[in-house]
Amino acid sequence: MRSSRHFAALLAETCAARVLNVGYRNAPEHPYPAALTDVVNAYRGLIDGGADPGTIAFVGNSAGGGLTLACLLALRDAGDPLPVCAAVISPWTDLTNSGPSIRTNAATEVMLDPGSIDSTAALYASSDELTNPYVSPLFGDPTGLPALLVHVSGAEILLDDSLRFVQRCKAADVDVTLHVEPHMPHVWHLFAGLLPEADDAMTRLGLWLLDRLP
C-alpha cells in the first residue's frame, strides 16, 4: 500500500474521485492466488456495501496492472457485475515472458531488470500456473470485459505485454484504447510533477476515466 500511495493520490487529484488503495498480499510470502483473492474480495466488499459498479473504475500499474486485468477476468467468469471501465499502465500480462520486447528493449529499459524477470515470475506462481489467465491475462479470453485504456512506454521490456493484450481485446470486440509513449520509463506516470510527459499522461488518463464515470 505504501508504494502505491503516491500514485493513488495522483489519481484522486486528477479525477477528483475517491480512490481505494487495496493492500493485497504479496509474493513470495503469499503467492498466487492470494493477491487475486484479495482484490476480488475488496471489489465484492464495495458492491455488498451498496456501491454501484457503474460508478467504479479499476486502475493498476506494472504487476498491479496485470492483476487488474486478471481480476476482471475472474469477476466476469464468476458472474459478478463488472466495473464500468479499467485503465492499466505498463501491465505485466504474460508471466511466461515470451514477448520479444523482453529482449529487444533490454537496452532501453531503465526501471526493470530483464535478467531477473523470470525469477520474479517464479516467486508469484509455479511454472505450470504461468499460462493461467488469472496469472497471465494475455492467455485469457477478454470477451465481455468493460472499456479498457492501456498506457505503455515504447522503450520498456513489457511493451509487447500491452500490444499483444490489446490485439486480443480488439479481436474480441472489447472497447480498448492504446497509447504508446516513446522514450519513457516503465510507469512514467509516477514522475508527475517532474516530467511533462508524466503530467500529460496523468491528464490523458484522468480525462479518459472522467469520460466514462458518471
N, C-alpha and C. Protein backbone atom coordinates (compact mmCIF):
# COMPACT_ATOMS: atom_id res chain seq x y z
N MET A 1 0.82 -1.20 0.00
CA MET A 1 0.00 0.00 0.00
C MET A 1 0.86 1.26 0.00
N ARG A 2 1.99 1.21 0.73
CA ARG A 2 2.86 2.40 0.79
C ARG A 2 3.42 2.75 -0.58
N SER A 3 3.83 1.73 -1.33
CA SER A 3 4.45 2.01 -2.63
C SER A 3 3.45 2.55 -3.64
N SER A 4 2.16 2.29 -3.44
CA SER A 4 1.12 2.75 -4.38
C SER A 4 0.44 4.03 -3.92
N ARG A 5 0.78 4.51 -2.73
CA ARG A 5 0.05 5.65 -2.17
C ARG A 5 0.22 6.91 -3.01
N HIS A 6 1.45 7.14 -3.49
CA HIS A 6 1.69 8.34 -4.30
C HIS A 6 0.85 8.31 -5.57
N PHE A 7 0.84 7.15 -6.24
CA PHE A 7 0.05 7.04 -7.47
C PHE A 7 -1.44 7.20 -7.17
N ALA A 8 -1.91 6.61 -6.07
CA ALA A 8 -3.32 6.74 -5.70
C ALA A 8 -3.69 8.20 -5.46
N ALA A 9 -2.78 8.94 -4.83
CA ALA A 9 -3.03 10.36 -4.59
C ALA A 9 -3.08 11.14 -5.90
N LEU A 10 -2.15 10.84 -6.82
CA LEU A 10 -2.17 11.48 -8.13
C LEU A 10 -3.48 11.21 -8.85
N LEU A 11 -3.93 9.98 -8.76
CA LEU A 11 -5.15 9.58 -9.45
C LEU A 11 -6.36 10.30 -8.85
N ALA A 12 -6.41 10.37 -7.52
CA ALA A 12 -7.53 11.04 -6.86
C ALA A 12 -7.58 12.51 -7.24
N GLU A 13 -6.41 13.14 -7.29
CA GLU A 13 -6.36 14.56 -7.65
C GLU A 13 -6.76 14.78 -9.11
N THR A 14 -6.25 13.92 -9.99
CA THR A 14 -6.52 14.07 -11.41
C THR A 14 -8.00 13.89 -11.73
N CYS A 15 -8.64 12.93 -11.07
CA CYS A 15 -10.03 12.59 -11.39
C CYS A 15 -11.03 13.21 -10.42
N ALA A 16 -10.53 13.90 -9.37
CA ALA A 16 -11.42 14.42 -8.33
C ALA A 16 -12.34 13.31 -7.83
N ALA A 17 -11.74 12.17 -7.54
CA ALA A 17 -12.53 10.99 -7.16
C ALA A 17 -11.91 10.34 -5.93
N ARG A 18 -12.73 9.57 -5.23
CA ARG A 18 -12.22 8.77 -4.12
C ARG A 18 -11.51 7.54 -4.68
N VAL A 19 -10.38 7.20 -4.12
CA VAL A 19 -9.58 6.06 -4.59
C VAL A 19 -9.39 5.09 -3.44
N LEU A 20 -9.75 3.83 -3.68
CA LEU A 20 -9.49 2.76 -2.72
C LEU A 20 -8.18 2.09 -3.09
N ASN A 21 -7.19 2.22 -2.24
CA ASN A 21 -5.87 1.61 -2.46
C ASN A 21 -5.87 0.27 -1.74
N VAL A 22 -5.97 -0.81 -2.50
CA VAL A 22 -6.16 -2.14 -1.92
C VAL A 22 -4.81 -2.73 -1.49
N GLY A 23 -4.71 -3.09 -0.22
CA GLY A 23 -3.49 -3.70 0.30
C GLY A 23 -3.51 -5.21 0.18
N TYR A 24 -3.34 -5.70 -1.04
CA TYR A 24 -3.38 -7.15 -1.25
C TYR A 24 -2.07 -7.79 -0.80
N ARG A 25 -2.16 -9.07 -0.49
CA ARG A 25 -0.98 -9.80 -0.05
C ARG A 25 0.02 -9.98 -1.20
N ASN A 26 1.30 -9.98 -0.83
CA ASN A 26 2.36 -10.01 -1.84
C ASN A 26 3.15 -11.31 -1.79
N ALA A 27 3.65 -11.72 -2.97
CA ALA A 27 4.62 -12.81 -3.06
C ALA A 27 5.99 -12.26 -2.66
N PRO A 28 6.93 -13.10 -2.24
CA PRO A 28 6.85 -14.58 -2.24
C PRO A 28 6.17 -15.18 -1.01
N GLU A 29 5.93 -14.35 0.01
CA GLU A 29 5.30 -14.91 1.21
C GLU A 29 3.90 -15.42 0.90
N HIS A 30 3.21 -14.73 -0.01
CA HIS A 30 1.84 -15.11 -0.36
C HIS A 30 1.72 -15.18 -1.88
N PRO A 31 2.06 -16.32 -2.48
CA PRO A 31 1.99 -16.45 -3.94
C PRO A 31 0.54 -16.56 -4.42
N TYR A 32 0.39 -16.66 -5.75
CA TYR A 32 -0.92 -16.85 -6.36
C TYR A 32 -1.63 -18.03 -5.68
N PRO A 33 -2.93 -17.89 -5.34
CA PRO A 33 -3.86 -16.83 -5.76
C PRO A 33 -4.14 -15.76 -4.71
N ALA A 34 -3.26 -15.57 -3.74
CA ALA A 34 -3.56 -14.67 -2.62
C ALA A 34 -3.92 -13.26 -3.08
N ALA A 35 -3.10 -12.66 -3.95
CA ALA A 35 -3.36 -11.29 -4.38
C ALA A 35 -4.68 -11.18 -5.13
N LEU A 36 -4.93 -12.13 -6.02
CA LEU A 36 -6.18 -12.12 -6.78
C LEU A 36 -7.38 -12.25 -5.86
N THR A 37 -7.30 -13.16 -4.90
CA THR A 37 -8.38 -13.33 -3.94
C THR A 37 -8.66 -12.03 -3.20
N ASP A 38 -7.60 -11.33 -2.81
CA ASP A 38 -7.77 -10.10 -2.04
C ASP A 38 -8.43 -8.99 -2.84
N VAL A 39 -8.02 -8.81 -4.11
CA VAL A 39 -8.61 -7.72 -4.88
C VAL A 39 -10.04 -8.05 -5.30
N VAL A 40 -10.32 -9.31 -5.59
CA VAL A 40 -11.70 -9.71 -5.89
C VAL A 40 -12.58 -9.46 -4.67
N ASN A 41 -12.11 -9.84 -3.48
CA ASN A 41 -12.90 -9.64 -2.27
C ASN A 41 -13.08 -8.16 -1.93
N ALA A 42 -12.07 -7.35 -2.22
CA ALA A 42 -12.19 -5.91 -1.98
C ALA A 42 -13.30 -5.32 -2.85
N TYR A 43 -13.34 -5.71 -4.11
CA TYR A 43 -14.39 -5.22 -5.00
C TYR A 43 -15.76 -5.72 -4.56
N ARG A 44 -15.85 -6.99 -4.23
CA ARG A 44 -17.13 -7.52 -3.78
C ARG A 44 -17.59 -6.84 -2.49
N GLY A 45 -16.64 -6.44 -1.64
CA GLY A 45 -16.99 -5.72 -0.44
C GLY A 45 -17.64 -4.38 -0.76
N LEU A 46 -17.12 -3.69 -1.79
CA LEU A 46 -17.73 -2.44 -2.22
C LEU A 46 -19.16 -2.66 -2.71
N ILE A 47 -19.33 -3.68 -3.53
CA ILE A 47 -20.66 -3.95 -4.09
C ILE A 47 -21.63 -4.37 -2.98
N ASP A 48 -21.17 -5.23 -2.08
CA ASP A 48 -22.04 -5.65 -0.98
C ASP A 48 -22.40 -4.48 -0.08
N GLY A 49 -21.54 -3.46 -0.05
CA GLY A 49 -21.82 -2.28 0.76
C GLY A 49 -22.71 -1.27 0.07
N GLY A 50 -23.16 -1.59 -1.14
CA GLY A 50 -24.11 -0.72 -1.83
C GLY A 50 -23.53 0.10 -2.96
N ALA A 51 -22.25 -0.05 -3.25
CA ALA A 51 -21.65 0.71 -4.35
C ALA A 51 -22.19 0.22 -5.69
N ASP A 52 -22.38 1.15 -6.60
CA ASP A 52 -22.87 0.85 -7.95
C ASP A 52 -21.67 0.55 -8.86
N PRO A 53 -21.62 -0.64 -9.47
CA PRO A 53 -20.49 -0.94 -10.38
C PRO A 53 -20.31 0.10 -11.47
N GLY A 54 -21.41 0.76 -11.85
CA GLY A 54 -21.34 1.78 -12.89
C GLY A 54 -20.61 3.04 -12.47
N THR A 55 -20.26 3.13 -11.19
CA THR A 55 -19.51 4.28 -10.68
C THR A 55 -18.07 3.91 -10.31
N ILE A 56 -17.65 2.70 -10.66
CA ILE A 56 -16.34 2.19 -10.24
C ILE A 56 -15.45 1.95 -11.46
N ALA A 57 -14.21 2.40 -11.36
CA ALA A 57 -13.18 2.11 -12.37
C ALA A 57 -12.01 1.42 -11.68
N PHE A 58 -11.44 0.45 -12.34
CA PHE A 58 -10.22 -0.19 -11.85
C PHE A 58 -9.02 0.50 -12.50
N VAL A 59 -7.95 0.69 -11.73
CA VAL A 59 -6.71 1.24 -12.26
C VAL A 59 -5.55 0.49 -11.63
N GLY A 60 -4.57 0.11 -12.43
CA GLY A 60 -3.41 -0.58 -11.90
C GLY A 60 -2.20 -0.36 -12.78
N ASN A 61 -1.01 -0.49 -12.19
CA ASN A 61 0.20 -0.33 -12.99
C ASN A 61 1.18 -1.46 -12.73
N SER A 62 1.97 -1.76 -13.74
CA SER A 62 3.00 -2.79 -13.68
C SER A 62 2.39 -4.15 -13.32
N ALA A 63 2.93 -4.84 -12.32
CA ALA A 63 2.32 -6.12 -11.91
C ALA A 63 0.90 -5.90 -11.44
N GLY A 64 0.64 -4.73 -10.83
CA GLY A 64 -0.73 -4.41 -10.43
C GLY A 64 -1.65 -4.21 -11.62
N GLY A 65 -1.09 -3.81 -12.76
CA GLY A 65 -1.89 -3.70 -13.98
C GLY A 65 -2.31 -5.07 -14.47
N GLY A 66 -1.38 -6.02 -14.43
CA GLY A 66 -1.74 -7.39 -14.79
C GLY A 66 -2.76 -7.96 -13.84
N LEU A 67 -2.60 -7.67 -12.54
CA LEU A 67 -3.57 -8.14 -11.55
C LEU A 67 -4.93 -7.52 -11.77
N THR A 68 -4.96 -6.26 -12.19
CA THR A 68 -6.23 -5.60 -12.52
C THR A 68 -6.96 -6.37 -13.61
N LEU A 69 -6.25 -6.73 -14.66
CA LEU A 69 -6.88 -7.45 -15.78
C LEU A 69 -7.28 -8.86 -15.36
N ALA A 70 -6.45 -9.51 -14.56
CA ALA A 70 -6.80 -10.85 -14.05
C ALA A 70 -8.05 -10.78 -13.19
N CYS A 71 -8.17 -9.73 -12.39
CA CYS A 71 -9.36 -9.56 -11.56
C CYS A 71 -10.61 -9.41 -12.41
N LEU A 72 -10.52 -8.66 -13.49
CA LEU A 72 -11.67 -8.51 -14.39
C LEU A 72 -12.08 -9.86 -14.98
N LEU A 73 -11.10 -10.65 -15.39
CA LEU A 73 -11.41 -11.97 -15.95
C LEU A 73 -12.08 -12.86 -14.90
N ALA A 74 -11.54 -12.83 -13.68
CA ALA A 74 -12.09 -13.67 -12.62
C ALA A 74 -13.52 -13.25 -12.25
N LEU A 75 -13.76 -11.95 -12.18
CA LEU A 75 -15.10 -11.46 -11.85
C LEU A 75 -16.10 -11.81 -12.96
N ARG A 76 -15.67 -11.63 -14.20
CA ARG A 76 -16.55 -11.98 -15.32
C ARG A 76 -16.89 -13.46 -15.30
N ASP A 77 -15.90 -14.30 -15.08
CA ASP A 77 -16.12 -15.74 -15.10
C ASP A 77 -17.01 -16.19 -13.94
N ALA A 78 -16.98 -15.44 -12.84
CA ALA A 78 -17.79 -15.78 -11.69
C ALA A 78 -19.19 -15.19 -11.78
N GLY A 79 -19.46 -14.38 -12.80
CA GLY A 79 -20.77 -13.80 -12.97
C GLY A 79 -21.01 -12.53 -12.16
N ASP A 80 -19.95 -11.95 -11.62
CA ASP A 80 -20.10 -10.70 -10.86
C ASP A 80 -20.35 -9.53 -11.80
N PRO A 81 -21.04 -8.50 -11.33
CA PRO A 81 -21.16 -7.28 -12.14
C PRO A 81 -19.79 -6.62 -12.27
N LEU A 82 -19.47 -6.12 -13.45
CA LEU A 82 -18.15 -5.56 -13.71
C LEU A 82 -18.14 -4.05 -13.54
N PRO A 83 -17.00 -3.49 -13.21
CA PRO A 83 -16.88 -2.02 -13.16
C PRO A 83 -17.11 -1.43 -14.54
N VAL A 84 -17.33 -0.13 -14.59
CA VAL A 84 -17.66 0.50 -15.86
C VAL A 84 -16.46 0.54 -16.80
N CYS A 85 -15.25 0.57 -16.26
CA CYS A 85 -14.07 0.63 -17.11
C CYS A 85 -12.83 0.30 -16.28
N ALA A 86 -11.70 0.19 -16.96
CA ALA A 86 -10.43 -0.07 -16.28
C ALA A 86 -9.30 0.54 -17.09
N ALA A 87 -8.30 1.06 -16.38
CA ALA A 87 -7.11 1.62 -17.02
C ALA A 87 -5.89 0.95 -16.43
N VAL A 88 -4.97 0.53 -17.29
CA VAL A 88 -3.75 -0.12 -16.83
C VAL A 88 -2.54 0.56 -17.47
N ILE A 89 -1.47 0.65 -16.69
CA ILE A 89 -0.24 1.30 -17.14
C ILE A 89 0.89 0.27 -17.10
N SER A 90 1.52 0.07 -18.23
CA SER A 90 2.65 -0.87 -18.33
C SER A 90 2.32 -2.21 -17.67
N PRO A 91 1.18 -2.83 -17.99
CA PRO A 91 0.79 -4.05 -17.28
C PRO A 91 1.68 -5.24 -17.65
N TRP A 92 1.93 -6.07 -16.65
CA TRP A 92 2.63 -7.34 -16.86
C TRP A 92 1.55 -8.38 -17.12
N THR A 93 1.31 -8.69 -18.38
CA THR A 93 0.20 -9.59 -18.74
C THR A 93 0.66 -11.00 -19.06
N ASP A 94 1.96 -11.21 -19.18
CA ASP A 94 2.49 -12.52 -19.60
C ASP A 94 3.66 -12.90 -18.71
N LEU A 95 3.40 -13.69 -17.69
CA LEU A 95 4.46 -14.07 -16.76
C LEU A 95 5.34 -15.20 -17.31
N THR A 96 5.03 -15.70 -18.52
CA THR A 96 5.98 -16.58 -19.19
C THR A 96 7.08 -15.76 -19.87
N ASN A 97 6.86 -14.45 -19.97
CA ASN A 97 7.85 -13.52 -20.53
C ASN A 97 8.27 -13.89 -21.95
N SER A 98 7.26 -14.18 -22.76
CA SER A 98 7.53 -14.61 -24.13
C SER A 98 7.54 -13.45 -25.14
N GLY A 99 7.22 -12.25 -24.69
CA GLY A 99 7.18 -11.12 -25.62
C GLY A 99 8.57 -10.75 -26.13
N PRO A 100 8.70 -10.50 -27.44
CA PRO A 100 10.01 -10.14 -28.00
C PRO A 100 10.64 -8.91 -27.35
N SER A 101 9.82 -7.98 -26.85
CA SER A 101 10.37 -6.75 -26.28
C SER A 101 11.16 -7.00 -25.00
N ILE A 102 10.97 -8.17 -24.36
CA ILE A 102 11.81 -8.51 -23.21
C ILE A 102 13.28 -8.47 -23.61
N ARG A 103 13.55 -8.86 -24.85
CA ARG A 103 14.92 -8.87 -25.35
C ARG A 103 15.24 -7.61 -26.15
N THR A 104 14.33 -7.22 -27.04
CA THR A 104 14.65 -6.12 -27.96
C THR A 104 14.70 -4.77 -27.26
N ASN A 105 14.02 -4.63 -26.13
CA ASN A 105 14.05 -3.36 -25.40
C ASN A 105 14.92 -3.42 -24.14
N ALA A 106 15.70 -4.47 -24.02
CA ALA A 106 16.53 -4.61 -22.81
C ALA A 106 17.50 -3.44 -22.66
N ALA A 107 18.00 -2.92 -23.76
CA ALA A 107 18.98 -1.84 -23.68
C ALA A 107 18.36 -0.49 -23.33
N THR A 108 17.06 -0.34 -23.55
CA THR A 108 16.40 0.94 -23.27
C THR A 108 15.55 0.89 -22.00
N GLU A 109 15.51 -0.26 -21.35
CA GLU A 109 14.76 -0.41 -20.10
C GLU A 109 15.58 0.16 -18.94
N VAL A 110 14.98 1.08 -18.18
CA VAL A 110 15.73 1.72 -17.09
C VAL A 110 15.14 1.44 -15.71
N MET A 111 13.99 0.78 -15.65
CA MET A 111 13.34 0.54 -14.36
C MET A 111 13.34 -0.93 -13.96
N LEU A 112 13.18 -1.81 -14.92
CA LEU A 112 13.08 -3.24 -14.65
C LEU A 112 14.38 -3.94 -15.06
N ASP A 113 14.61 -5.11 -14.46
CA ASP A 113 15.80 -5.89 -14.78
C ASP A 113 15.42 -7.06 -15.69
N PRO A 114 15.77 -6.97 -16.98
CA PRO A 114 15.40 -8.06 -17.89
C PRO A 114 15.96 -9.41 -17.45
N GLY A 115 17.09 -9.40 -16.77
CA GLY A 115 17.73 -10.64 -16.37
C GLY A 115 17.07 -11.35 -15.21
N SER A 116 16.25 -10.65 -14.45
CA SER A 116 15.62 -11.26 -13.29
C SER A 116 14.11 -11.43 -13.42
N ILE A 117 13.57 -11.11 -14.59
CA ILE A 117 12.11 -11.13 -14.71
C ILE A 117 11.55 -12.55 -14.61
N ASP A 118 12.30 -13.55 -15.09
CA ASP A 118 11.82 -14.93 -14.98
C ASP A 118 11.80 -15.38 -13.52
N SER A 119 12.84 -15.04 -12.78
CA SER A 119 12.88 -15.44 -11.37
C SER A 119 11.83 -14.69 -10.57
N THR A 120 11.52 -13.47 -10.98
CA THR A 120 10.45 -12.72 -10.31
C THR A 120 9.10 -13.39 -10.53
N ALA A 121 8.83 -13.82 -11.76
CA ALA A 121 7.58 -14.53 -12.05
C ALA A 121 7.48 -15.80 -11.22
N ALA A 122 8.60 -16.49 -11.03
CA ALA A 122 8.60 -17.74 -10.27
C ALA A 122 8.27 -17.52 -8.80
N LEU A 123 8.49 -16.31 -8.30
CA LEU A 123 8.12 -16.01 -6.92
C LEU A 123 6.61 -15.91 -6.74
N TYR A 124 5.92 -15.58 -7.84
CA TYR A 124 4.48 -15.36 -7.77
C TYR A 124 3.68 -16.63 -8.05
N ALA A 125 4.12 -17.43 -8.99
CA ALA A 125 3.36 -18.62 -9.38
C ALA A 125 4.31 -19.70 -9.86
N SER A 126 3.88 -20.96 -9.73
CA SER A 126 4.68 -22.09 -10.19
C SER A 126 4.69 -22.13 -11.71
N SER A 127 5.62 -22.87 -12.28
CA SER A 127 5.79 -22.89 -13.73
C SER A 127 4.55 -23.39 -14.46
N ASP A 128 3.81 -24.32 -13.85
CA ASP A 128 2.62 -24.84 -14.51
C ASP A 128 1.41 -23.91 -14.36
N GLU A 129 1.56 -22.83 -13.60
CA GLU A 129 0.47 -21.86 -13.44
C GLU A 129 0.67 -20.60 -14.27
N LEU A 130 1.82 -20.46 -14.91
CA LEU A 130 2.14 -19.19 -15.56
C LEU A 130 1.26 -18.88 -16.76
N THR A 131 0.65 -19.88 -17.38
CA THR A 131 -0.26 -19.62 -18.50
C THR A 131 -1.71 -19.57 -18.06
N ASN A 132 -1.96 -19.67 -16.77
CA ASN A 132 -3.31 -19.50 -16.24
C ASN A 132 -3.73 -18.04 -16.47
N PRO A 133 -4.87 -17.79 -17.09
CA PRO A 133 -5.27 -16.40 -17.37
C PRO A 133 -5.38 -15.54 -16.12
N TYR A 134 -5.61 -16.15 -14.96
CA TYR A 134 -5.69 -15.38 -13.72
C TYR A 134 -4.30 -15.01 -13.20
N VAL A 135 -3.28 -15.59 -13.80
CA VAL A 135 -1.88 -15.22 -13.52
C VAL A 135 -1.35 -14.34 -14.65
N SER A 136 -1.57 -14.80 -15.88
CA SER A 136 -1.13 -14.08 -17.09
C SER A 136 -2.35 -13.79 -17.95
N PRO A 137 -2.98 -12.64 -17.79
CA PRO A 137 -4.22 -12.36 -18.52
C PRO A 137 -4.10 -12.42 -20.03
N LEU A 138 -2.89 -12.34 -20.56
CA LEU A 138 -2.70 -12.45 -22.00
C LEU A 138 -3.28 -13.76 -22.53
N PHE A 139 -3.27 -14.81 -21.71
CA PHE A 139 -3.74 -16.12 -22.16
C PHE A 139 -5.23 -16.32 -21.94
N GLY A 140 -5.93 -15.29 -21.49
CA GLY A 140 -7.37 -15.39 -21.29
C GLY A 140 -8.15 -14.86 -22.47
N ASP A 141 -9.44 -15.13 -22.46
CA ASP A 141 -10.35 -14.59 -23.47
C ASP A 141 -10.96 -13.30 -22.90
N PRO A 142 -10.66 -12.14 -23.50
CA PRO A 142 -11.15 -10.88 -22.94
C PRO A 142 -12.59 -10.54 -23.28
N THR A 143 -13.29 -11.42 -23.98
CA THR A 143 -14.67 -11.14 -24.39
C THR A 143 -15.51 -10.70 -23.19
N GLY A 144 -16.22 -9.60 -23.38
CA GLY A 144 -17.13 -9.14 -22.34
C GLY A 144 -16.53 -8.23 -21.31
N LEU A 145 -15.24 -7.93 -21.42
CA LEU A 145 -14.63 -7.01 -20.47
C LEU A 145 -15.11 -5.58 -20.74
N PRO A 146 -15.09 -4.73 -19.72
CA PRO A 146 -15.51 -3.34 -19.92
C PRO A 146 -14.47 -2.56 -20.71
N ALA A 147 -14.78 -1.29 -20.99
CA ALA A 147 -13.85 -0.44 -21.73
C ALA A 147 -12.50 -0.40 -21.03
N LEU A 148 -11.44 -0.49 -21.83
CA LEU A 148 -10.09 -0.54 -21.28
C LEU A 148 -9.22 0.54 -21.89
N LEU A 149 -8.36 1.11 -21.06
CA LEU A 149 -7.30 2.02 -21.50
C LEU A 149 -5.97 1.39 -21.14
N VAL A 150 -5.04 1.36 -22.09
CA VAL A 150 -3.71 0.78 -21.85
C VAL A 150 -2.67 1.83 -22.22
N HIS A 151 -1.85 2.21 -21.25
CA HIS A 151 -0.70 3.07 -21.49
C HIS A 151 0.57 2.23 -21.34
N VAL A 152 1.52 2.42 -22.22
CA VAL A 152 2.79 1.69 -22.14
C VAL A 152 3.87 2.52 -22.82
N SER A 153 5.10 2.34 -22.36
CA SER A 153 6.22 3.01 -23.00
C SER A 153 6.76 2.17 -24.15
N GLY A 154 7.14 2.84 -25.22
CA GLY A 154 7.74 2.13 -26.34
C GLY A 154 9.14 1.65 -26.06
N ALA A 155 9.73 2.08 -24.93
CA ALA A 155 11.11 1.74 -24.62
C ALA A 155 11.24 0.65 -23.56
N GLU A 156 10.14 0.18 -23.01
CA GLU A 156 10.23 -0.75 -21.88
C GLU A 156 10.10 -2.21 -22.33
N ILE A 157 10.58 -3.10 -21.48
CA ILE A 157 10.59 -4.52 -21.85
C ILE A 157 9.18 -5.11 -21.85
N LEU A 158 8.22 -4.49 -21.17
CA LEU A 158 6.86 -5.02 -21.15
C LEU A 158 5.98 -4.46 -22.28
N LEU A 159 6.60 -3.81 -23.24
CA LEU A 159 5.82 -3.24 -24.36
C LEU A 159 4.93 -4.29 -25.00
N ASP A 160 5.47 -5.45 -25.33
CA ASP A 160 4.69 -6.46 -26.04
C ASP A 160 3.61 -7.09 -25.15
N ASP A 161 3.76 -7.01 -23.85
CA ASP A 161 2.69 -7.46 -22.96
C ASP A 161 1.43 -6.64 -23.20
N SER A 162 1.60 -5.36 -23.45
CA SER A 162 0.46 -4.49 -23.74
C SER A 162 -0.04 -4.67 -25.18
N LEU A 163 0.90 -4.65 -26.13
CA LEU A 163 0.50 -4.71 -27.54
C LEU A 163 -0.27 -5.99 -27.84
N ARG A 164 0.19 -7.11 -27.32
CA ARG A 164 -0.48 -8.38 -27.61
C ARG A 164 -1.82 -8.48 -26.89
N PHE A 165 -1.90 -7.95 -25.68
CA PHE A 165 -3.18 -7.98 -24.98
C PHE A 165 -4.20 -7.10 -25.69
N VAL A 166 -3.78 -5.94 -26.16
CA VAL A 166 -4.68 -5.07 -26.90
C VAL A 166 -5.16 -5.74 -28.18
N GLN A 167 -4.29 -6.44 -28.86
CA GLN A 167 -4.69 -7.17 -30.07
C GLN A 167 -5.78 -8.18 -29.76
N ARG A 168 -5.63 -8.91 -28.65
CA ARG A 168 -6.64 -9.90 -28.27
C ARG A 168 -7.96 -9.21 -27.93
N CYS A 169 -7.90 -8.05 -27.30
CA CYS A 169 -9.11 -7.31 -26.98
C CYS A 169 -9.83 -6.85 -28.24
N LYS A 170 -9.08 -6.33 -29.18
CA LYS A 170 -9.70 -5.88 -30.43
C LYS A 170 -10.35 -7.04 -31.17
N ALA A 171 -9.70 -8.20 -31.17
CA ALA A 171 -10.27 -9.37 -31.83
C ALA A 171 -11.55 -9.83 -31.15
N ALA A 172 -11.69 -9.52 -29.86
CA ALA A 172 -12.88 -9.92 -29.10
C ALA A 172 -13.90 -8.79 -29.02
N ASP A 173 -13.70 -7.72 -29.80
CA ASP A 173 -14.62 -6.58 -29.84
C ASP A 173 -14.75 -5.87 -28.50
N VAL A 174 -13.67 -5.88 -27.73
CA VAL A 174 -13.63 -5.10 -26.49
C VAL A 174 -13.25 -3.66 -26.84
N ASP A 175 -13.90 -2.71 -26.20
CA ASP A 175 -13.58 -1.29 -26.40
C ASP A 175 -12.26 -0.99 -25.71
N VAL A 176 -11.19 -0.94 -26.48
CA VAL A 176 -9.86 -0.76 -25.89
C VAL A 176 -9.14 0.40 -26.56
N THR A 177 -8.49 1.22 -25.75
CA THR A 177 -7.72 2.36 -26.24
C THR A 177 -6.27 2.17 -25.82
N LEU A 178 -5.38 2.29 -26.78
CA LEU A 178 -3.95 2.09 -26.52
C LEU A 178 -3.20 3.39 -26.75
N HIS A 179 -2.31 3.72 -25.81
CA HIS A 179 -1.39 4.84 -26.01
C HIS A 179 0.03 4.37 -25.73
N VAL A 180 0.89 4.49 -26.73
CA VAL A 180 2.30 4.13 -26.58
C VAL A 180 3.11 5.42 -26.57
N GLU A 181 3.83 5.64 -25.46
CA GLU A 181 4.65 6.85 -25.31
C GLU A 181 6.12 6.49 -25.55
N PRO A 182 6.77 7.11 -26.52
CA PRO A 182 8.18 6.76 -26.80
C PRO A 182 9.12 7.31 -25.74
N HIS A 183 10.21 6.60 -25.54
CA HIS A 183 11.36 7.10 -24.76
C HIS A 183 11.06 7.36 -23.29
N MET A 184 10.04 6.73 -22.74
CA MET A 184 9.70 6.93 -21.34
C MET A 184 10.03 5.69 -20.51
N PRO A 185 10.26 5.84 -19.22
CA PRO A 185 10.49 4.68 -18.36
C PRO A 185 9.20 3.95 -18.05
N HIS A 186 9.32 2.76 -17.54
CA HIS A 186 8.21 1.95 -17.07
C HIS A 186 7.38 2.76 -16.05
N VAL A 187 6.06 2.83 -16.28
CA VAL A 187 5.12 3.57 -15.41
C VAL A 187 5.65 5.00 -15.17
N TRP A 188 5.88 5.71 -16.24
CA TRP A 188 6.41 7.07 -16.15
C TRP A 188 5.44 8.04 -15.49
N HIS A 189 4.18 7.66 -15.35
CA HIS A 189 3.19 8.50 -14.67
C HIS A 189 3.62 8.87 -13.25
N LEU A 190 4.42 8.00 -12.63
CA LEU A 190 4.85 8.24 -11.25
C LEU A 190 5.73 9.47 -11.13
N PHE A 191 6.24 9.97 -12.26
CA PHE A 191 7.10 11.14 -12.24
C PHE A 191 6.32 12.43 -12.51
N ALA A 192 5.01 12.40 -12.33
CA ALA A 192 4.19 13.60 -12.49
C ALA A 192 4.71 14.69 -11.55
N GLY A 193 4.81 15.90 -12.09
CA GLY A 193 5.40 17.00 -11.34
C GLY A 193 6.87 17.17 -11.64
N LEU A 194 7.48 16.15 -12.23
CA LEU A 194 8.90 16.21 -12.59
C LEU A 194 9.11 16.14 -14.10
N LEU A 195 8.29 15.32 -14.77
CA LEU A 195 8.39 15.16 -16.22
C LEU A 195 7.11 15.67 -16.88
N PRO A 196 7.21 16.54 -17.87
CA PRO A 196 5.99 17.00 -18.55
C PRO A 196 5.24 15.86 -19.22
N GLU A 197 5.99 14.84 -19.69
CA GLU A 197 5.31 13.69 -20.31
C GLU A 197 4.47 12.93 -19.29
N ALA A 198 4.94 12.89 -18.03
CA ALA A 198 4.17 12.24 -16.98
C ALA A 198 2.92 13.05 -16.65
N ASP A 199 3.06 14.36 -16.61
CA ASP A 199 1.89 15.21 -16.37
C ASP A 199 0.86 15.02 -17.47
N ASP A 200 1.33 14.99 -18.71
CA ASP A 200 0.42 14.79 -19.84
C ASP A 200 -0.27 13.43 -19.75
N ALA A 201 0.50 12.40 -19.36
CA ALA A 201 -0.08 11.06 -19.27
C ALA A 201 -1.15 10.99 -18.20
N MET A 202 -0.90 11.61 -17.05
CA MET A 202 -1.91 11.61 -15.99
C MET A 202 -3.15 12.38 -16.42
N THR A 203 -2.96 13.47 -17.12
CA THR A 203 -4.12 14.23 -17.63
C THR A 203 -4.92 13.39 -18.61
N ARG A 204 -4.22 12.72 -19.53
CA ARG A 204 -4.88 11.88 -20.52
C ARG A 204 -5.64 10.74 -19.85
N LEU A 205 -5.01 10.14 -18.84
CA LEU A 205 -5.65 9.06 -18.08
C LEU A 205 -6.88 9.57 -17.37
N GLY A 206 -6.76 10.72 -16.72
CA GLY A 206 -7.90 11.26 -15.98
C GLY A 206 -9.06 11.62 -16.87
N LEU A 207 -8.78 12.23 -18.02
CA LEU A 207 -9.86 12.59 -18.94
C LEU A 207 -10.58 11.36 -19.45
N TRP A 208 -9.82 10.30 -19.74
CA TRP A 208 -10.45 9.06 -20.22
C TRP A 208 -11.38 8.49 -19.16
N LEU A 209 -10.92 8.47 -17.91
CA LEU A 209 -11.75 7.94 -16.82
C LEU A 209 -12.99 8.81 -16.60
N LEU A 210 -12.79 10.13 -16.58
CA LEU A 210 -13.90 11.03 -16.33
C LEU A 210 -14.96 10.96 -17.43
N ASP A 211 -14.53 10.62 -18.63
CA ASP A 211 -15.47 10.49 -19.74
C ASP A 211 -16.37 9.26 -19.59
N ARG A 212 -15.97 8.32 -18.73
CA ARG A 212 -16.73 7.08 -18.58
C ARG A 212 -17.40 6.94 -17.22
N LEU A 213 -16.90 7.67 -16.25
CA LEU A 213 -17.53 7.63 -14.93
C LEU A 213 -18.66 8.66 -14.86
N PRO A 214 -19.73 8.36 -14.13
CA PRO A 214 -20.85 9.30 -14.04
C PRO A 214 -20.49 10.54 -13.22
